[in-house]
C-alpha atoms as a PDB file:
ATOM      1  CA  MET A   1     -27.371   0.844  14.897  1.00  0.00           C
ATOM      2  CA  LEU A   2     -27.930   0.082  11.240  1.00  0.00           C
ATOM      3  CA  ALA A   3     -30.134   2.541   9.444  1.00  0.00           C
ATOM      4  CA  GLU A   4     -33.643   1.176   9.089  1.00  0.00           C
ATOM      5  CA  LYS A   5     -34.701  -0.641   5.943  1.00  0.00           C
ATOM      6  CA  ILE A   6     -31.286  -0.674   4.293  1.00  0.00           C
ATOM      7  CA  THR A   7     -30.858  -3.534   1.846  1.00  0.00           C
ATOM      8  CA  LEU A   8     -27.640  -4.649   0.218  1.00  0.00           C
ATOM      9  CA  CYS A   9     -27.490  -6.024  -3.292  1.00  0.00           C
ATOM     10  CA  MET A  10     -25.059  -6.315  -6.141  1.00  0.00           C
ATOM     11  CA  ALA A  11     -24.765  -3.172  -8.233  1.00  0.00           C
ATOM     12  CA  THR A  12     -25.973  -3.170 -11.814  1.00  0.00           C
ATOM     13  CA  PRO A  13     -24.788  -0.930 -14.654  1.00  0.00           C
ATOM     14  CA  VAL A  14     -27.780   1.333 -13.940  1.00  0.00           C
ATOM     15  CA  ASP A  15     -26.153   2.192 -10.572  1.00  0.00           C
ATOM     16  CA  ALA A  16     -22.844   3.314 -12.122  1.00  0.00           C
ATOM     17  CA  SER A  17     -23.720   7.001 -12.551  1.00  0.00           C
ATOM     18  CA  THR A  18     -25.027   7.369  -9.001  1.00  0.00           C
ATOM     19  CA  ILE A  19     -21.970   5.618  -7.535  1.00  0.00           C
ATOM     20  CA  ALA A  20     -19.642   7.757  -9.652  1.00  0.00           C
ATOM     21  CA  ALA A  21     -21.382  10.988  -8.602  1.00  0.00           C
ATOM     22  CA  LEU A  22     -21.161  10.052  -4.917  1.00  0.00           C
ATOM     23  CA  SER A  23     -17.473   9.288  -5.383  1.00  0.00           C
ATOM     24  CA  ARG A  24     -16.826  12.562  -7.210  1.00  0.00           C
ATOM     25  CA  ASP A  25     -18.684  14.707  -4.695  1.00  0.00           C
ATOM     26  CA  ASP A  26     -17.849  13.039  -1.380  1.00  0.00           C
ATOM     27  CA  ILE A  27     -14.628  11.075  -1.878  1.00  0.00           C
ATOM     28  CA  GLU A  28     -12.630  12.522  -4.773  1.00  0.00           C
ATOM     29  CA  TYR A  29     -13.369  16.194  -4.046  1.00  0.00           C
ATOM     30  CA  GLY A  30     -10.354  18.358  -4.908  1.00  0.00           C
ATOM     31  CA  LEU A  31      -8.832  15.650  -7.108  1.00  0.00           C
ATOM     32  CA  PRO A  32      -9.297  14.764 -10.761  1.00  0.00           C
ATOM     33  CA  TRP A  33     -12.397  12.568 -11.067  1.00  0.00           C
ATOM     34  CA  SER A  34     -11.175   9.007 -11.588  1.00  0.00           C
ATOM     35  CA  TRP A  35     -14.201   6.874 -10.647  1.00  0.00           C
ATOM     36  CA  THR A  36     -16.267   8.005 -13.603  1.00  0.00           C
ATOM     37  CA  PRO A  37     -19.476   6.198 -14.622  1.00  0.00           C
ATOM     38  CA  ALA A  38     -17.532   4.235 -17.256  1.00  0.00           C
ATOM     39  CA  ARG A  39     -14.925   3.079 -14.720  1.00  0.00           C
ATOM     40  CA  VAL A  40     -17.580   2.108 -12.186  1.00  0.00           C
ATOM     41  CA  GLU A  41     -19.460   0.169 -14.856  1.00  0.00           C
ATOM     42  CA  ARG A  42     -16.253  -1.690 -15.771  1.00  0.00           C
ATOM     43  CA  ALA A  43     -15.844  -2.601 -12.104  1.00  0.00           C
ATOM     44  CA  ILE A  44     -19.448  -3.817 -11.927  1.00  0.00           C
ATOM     45  CA  ARG A  45     -18.837  -6.085 -14.929  1.00  0.00           C
ATOM     46  CA  HIS A  46     -15.367  -7.314 -13.837  1.00  0.00           C
ATOM     47  CA  ARG A  47     -15.290 -10.910 -12.659  1.00  0.00           C
ATOM     48  CA  ASP A  48     -12.797 -10.231  -9.830  1.00  0.00           C
ATOM     49  CA  VAL A  49     -14.654  -7.243  -8.394  1.00  0.00           C
ATOM     50  CA  ASN A  50     -17.765  -7.001  -6.252  1.00  0.00           C
ATOM     51  CA  VAL A  51     -19.689  -3.771  -6.267  1.00  0.00           C
ATOM     52  CA  VAL A  52     -22.334  -3.824  -3.569  1.00  0.00           C
ATOM     53  CA  VAL A  53     -24.894  -1.093  -3.052  1.00  0.00           C
ATOM     54  CA  ALA A  54     -26.938  -0.145  -0.011  1.00  0.00           C
ATOM     55  CA  LYS A  55     -30.430   1.032  -0.826  1.00  0.00           C
ATOM     56  CA  GLN A  56     -33.158   2.574   1.265  1.00  0.00           C
ATOM     57  CA  ALA A  57     -36.593   2.714  -0.380  1.00  0.00           C
ATOM     58  CA  GLN A  58     -34.878   1.880  -3.705  1.00  0.00           C
ATOM     59  CA  VAL A  59     -32.548   4.915  -3.354  1.00  0.00           C
ATOM     60  CA  LEU A  60     -28.819   4.201  -3.439  1.00  0.00           C
ATOM     61  CA  VAL A  61     -27.361   5.477  -0.140  1.00  0.00           C
ATOM     62  CA  GLY A  62     -23.986   3.710  -0.121  1.00  0.00           C
ATOM     63  CA  PHE A  63     -21.677   1.397  -1.984  1.00  0.00           C
ATOM     64  CA  GLY A  64     -18.467  -0.587  -1.739  1.00  0.00           C
ATOM     65  CA  ILE A  65     -16.115  -1.708  -4.485  1.00  0.00           C
ATOM     66  CA  MET A  66     -13.804  -4.598  -3.576  1.00  0.00           C
ATOM     67  CA  GLN A  67     -11.305  -6.182  -5.938  1.00  0.00           C
ATOM     68  CA  TYR A  68     -10.245  -9.733  -5.117  1.00  0.00           C
ATOM     69  CA  GLY A  69      -6.882 -11.240  -5.958  1.00  0.00           C
ATOM     70  CA  ASP A  70      -5.329 -14.617  -5.298  1.00  0.00           C
ATOM     71  CA  GLN A  71      -3.811 -13.593  -1.965  1.00  0.00           C
ATOM     72  CA  GLY A  72      -5.831 -10.620  -0.814  1.00  0.00           C
ATOM     73  CA  ALA A  73      -8.457  -8.021  -1.567  1.00  0.00           C
ATOM     74  CA  ASN A  74      -8.373  -4.267  -2.006  1.00  0.00           C
ATOM     75  CA  LEU A  75     -11.285  -2.139  -0.901  1.00  0.00           C
ATOM     76  CA  ASN A  76     -11.060   0.245  -3.833  1.00  0.00           C
ATOM     77  CA  LEU A  77     -13.847   2.568  -2.790  1.00  0.00           C
ATOM     78  CA  LEU A  78     -16.450   2.931  -0.068  1.00  0.00           C
ATOM     79  CA  GLY A  79     -19.026   5.677  -0.023  1.00  0.00           C
ATOM     80  CA  VAL A  80     -22.078   6.503   2.052  1.00  0.00           C
ATOM     81  CA  SER A  81     -24.376   9.450   1.459  1.00  0.00           C
ATOM     82  CA  LYS A  82     -24.028  12.190   4.052  1.00  0.00           C
ATOM     83  CA  ASP A  83     -27.462  11.566   5.569  1.00  0.00           C
ATOM     84  CA  GLN A  84     -26.634   7.875   6.161  1.00  0.00           C
ATOM     85  CA  ARG A  85     -23.251   8.304   7.841  1.00  0.00           C
ATOM     86  CA  ARG A  86     -22.774   7.118  11.401  1.00  0.00           C
ATOM     87  CA  LEU A  87     -25.874   4.923  11.163  1.00  0.00           C
ATOM     88  CA  GLY A  88     -24.074   1.650  10.412  1.00  0.00           C
ATOM     89  CA  THR A  89     -24.486   1.609   6.642  1.00  0.00           C
ATOM     90  CA  GLY A  90     -20.738   1.698   5.913  1.00  0.00           C
ATOM     91  CA  THR A  91     -20.044  -0.977   8.510  1.00  0.00           C
ATOM     92  CA  HIS A  92     -22.761  -3.179   7.017  1.00  0.00           C
ATOM     93  CA  ILE A  93     -21.232  -2.822   3.540  1.00  0.00           C
ATOM     94  CA  VAL A  94     -17.675  -3.609   4.729  1.00  0.00           C
ATOM     95  CA  GLU A  95     -18.822  -6.612   6.768  1.00  0.00           C
ATOM     96  CA  TRP A  96     -20.687  -7.983   3.734  1.00  0.00           C
ATOM     97  CA  LEU A  97     -17.564  -7.610   1.577  1.00  0.00           C
ATOM     98  CA  GLU A  98     -15.450  -9.245   4.293  1.00  0.00           C
ATOM     99  CA  ARG A  99     -17.764 -12.268   4.392  1.00  0.00           C
ATOM    100  CA  VAL A 100     -17.455 -12.636   0.623  1.00  0.00           C
ATOM    101  CA  ALA A 101     -13.657 -12.509   0.922  1.00  0.00           C
ATOM    102  CA  VAL A 102     -13.586 -15.167   3.652  1.00  0.00           C
ATOM    103  CA  ASN A 103     -15.953 -17.398   1.663  1.00  0.00           C
ATOM    104  CA  ALA A 104     -13.547 -17.068  -1.282  1.00  0.00           C
ATOM    105  CA  GLY A 105     -10.590 -18.035   0.933  1.00  0.00           C
ATOM    106  CA  ILE A 106      -9.143 -14.505   1.027  1.00  0.00           C
ATOM    107  CA  PHE A 107      -8.119 -13.280   4.452  1.00  0.00           C
ATOM    108  CA  ASP A 108      -6.195 -10.045   3.890  1.00  0.00           C
ATOM    109  CA  ILE A 109      -7.854  -6.748   2.943  1.00  0.00           C
ATOM    110  CA  VAL A 110      -6.159  -3.424   2.323  1.00  0.00           C
ATOM    111  CA  VAL A 111      -7.612   0.028   1.823  1.00  0.00           C
ATOM    112  CA  GLN A 112      -6.037   3.367   0.942  1.00  0.00           C
ATOM    113  CA  LEU A 113      -7.401   6.632   2.271  1.00  0.00           C
ATOM    114  CA  ARG A 114      -6.417  10.266   2.389  1.00  0.00           C
ATOM    115  CA  GLN A 115      -4.159  11.054   5.297  1.00  0.00           C
ATOM    116  CA  GLN A 116      -6.282  14.121   6.067  1.00  0.00           C
ATOM    117  CA  ASN A 117      -9.461  12.023   6.330  1.00  0.00           C
ATOM    118  CA  VAL A 118      -9.409  11.516  10.090  1.00  0.00           C
ATOM    119  CA  ALA A 119     -13.013  10.253  10.158  1.00  0.00           C
ATOM    120  CA  ALA A 120     -12.271   7.502   7.621  1.00  0.00           C
ATOM    121  CA  LYS A 121      -9.177   6.435   9.526  1.00  0.00           C
ATOM    122  CA  ALA A 122     -11.197   6.185  12.761  1.00  0.00           C
ATOM    123  CA  PHE A 123     -13.961   4.286  10.924  1.00  0.00           C
ATOM    124  CA  TYR A 124     -11.539   1.666   9.596  1.00  0.00           C
ATOM    125  CA  GLN A 125      -9.713   1.392  12.918  1.00  0.00           C
ATOM    126  CA  GLY A 126     -13.076   0.718  14.552  1.00  0.00           C
ATOM    127  CA  LEU A 127     -13.503  -2.189  12.136  1.00  0.00           C
ATOM    128  CA  GLY A 128     -10.110  -3.638  13.064  1.00  0.00           C
ATOM    129  CA  PHE A 129      -7.933  -2.203  10.300  1.00  0.00           C
ATOM    130  CA  GLU A 130      -4.405  -1.109  11.191  1.00  0.00           C
ATOM    131  CA  VAL A 131      -2.122   1.426   9.513  1.00  0.00           C
ATOM    132  CA  ILE A 132       0.641  -0.397   7.643  1.00  0.00           C
ATOM    133  CA  ASP A 133       2.111   2.269   5.353  1.00  0.00           C
ATOM    134  CA  HIS A 134       2.016   5.833   4.047  1.00  0.00           C
ATOM    135  CA  LEU A 135       2.296   6.598   0.326  1.00  0.00           C
ATOM    136  CA  PRO A 136       3.450  10.164  -0.425  1.00  0.00           C
ATOM    137  CA  GLY A 137       1.877  11.670  -3.547  1.00  0.00           C
ATOM    138  CA  TYR A 138      -0.616   8.831  -3.966  1.00  0.00           C
ATOM    139  CA  TYR A 139      -3.527  11.171  -4.569  1.00  0.00           C
ATOM    140  CA  GLY A 140      -2.974  13.593  -7.421  1.00  0.00           C
ATOM    141  CA  ASN A 141       0.785  13.540  -6.836  1.00  0.00           C
ATOM    142  CA  HIS A 142       0.338  15.799  -3.820  1.00  0.00           C
ATOM    143  CA  GLU A 143      -1.667  14.011  -1.114  1.00  0.00           C
ATOM    144  CA  VAL A 144      -0.419  11.253   1.155  1.00  0.00           C
ATOM    145  CA  ALA A 145      -2.368   8.021   1.369  1.00  0.00           C
ATOM    146  CA  ILE A 146      -2.595   5.947   4.498  1.00  0.00           C
ATOM    147  CA  VAL A 147      -2.626   2.226   3.763  1.00  0.00           C
ATOM    148  CA  MET A 148      -4.598   0.183   6.259  1.00  0.00           C
ATOM    149  CA  ALA A 149      -4.965  -3.583   6.420  1.00  0.00           C
ATOM    150  CA  LYS A 150      -7.029  -6.190   8.183  1.00  0.00           C
ATOM    151  CA  ASN A 151      -6.566  -9.931   8.474  1.00  0.00           C
ATOM    152  CA  LEU A 152      -9.836 -11.849   8.415  1.00  0.00           C
ATOM    153  CA  SER A 153      -8.553 -15.214   9.664  1.00  0.00           C
ATOM    154  CA  ALA A 154     -10.370 -14.748  12.974  1.00  0.00           C
ATOM    155  CA  LEU A 155     -13.688 -14.483  11.103  1.00  0.00           C
ATOM    156  CA  LYS A 156     -13.217 -17.920   9.585  1.00  0.00           C
ATOM    157  CA  GLU A 157     -12.065 -19.461  12.863  1.00  0.00           C
ATOM    158  CA  SER A 158     -14.860 -17.982  14.957  1.00  0.00           C
ATOM    159  CA  GLY A 159     -17.621 -18.336  12.376  1.00  0.00           C
ATOM    160  CA  ASP A 160     -18.732 -14.811  13.298  1.00  0.00           C
ATOM    161  CA  ARG A 161     -20.984 -12.731  11.061  1.00  0.00           C
END
């Protein structure tokens, strides 16, 4: 069940530092910090990227960064604060980004995640993503990435969501 009173909206540059800190602490731990406030702000301002934030009582509790190309989209980053995990916030964010992709005529999404992140792999599998590749040394030249993909054609055909 979705956490109560969660609202989704487009991120603004004011959100960049909070997003970057959540990435540093909960996603990029043990790696050099790459999603710095400046990088997140560039993503927020980029015309081919959507940065959506989930807020509860005006507090940022999750975010998703999706970059759209001509043929597909890459879910660059997804983060949910520890106290909001397993409440539906992450699913809500991904489903919102999927709807945007379908509305833009994009039906293929990929995401990369740490091989050791079993919870993330299960989360994405639960959303219909499938493992399509492994990239040795993707993270910091020493950690393997799992590449997962999902085709969204069924969303357009069924009109779901």
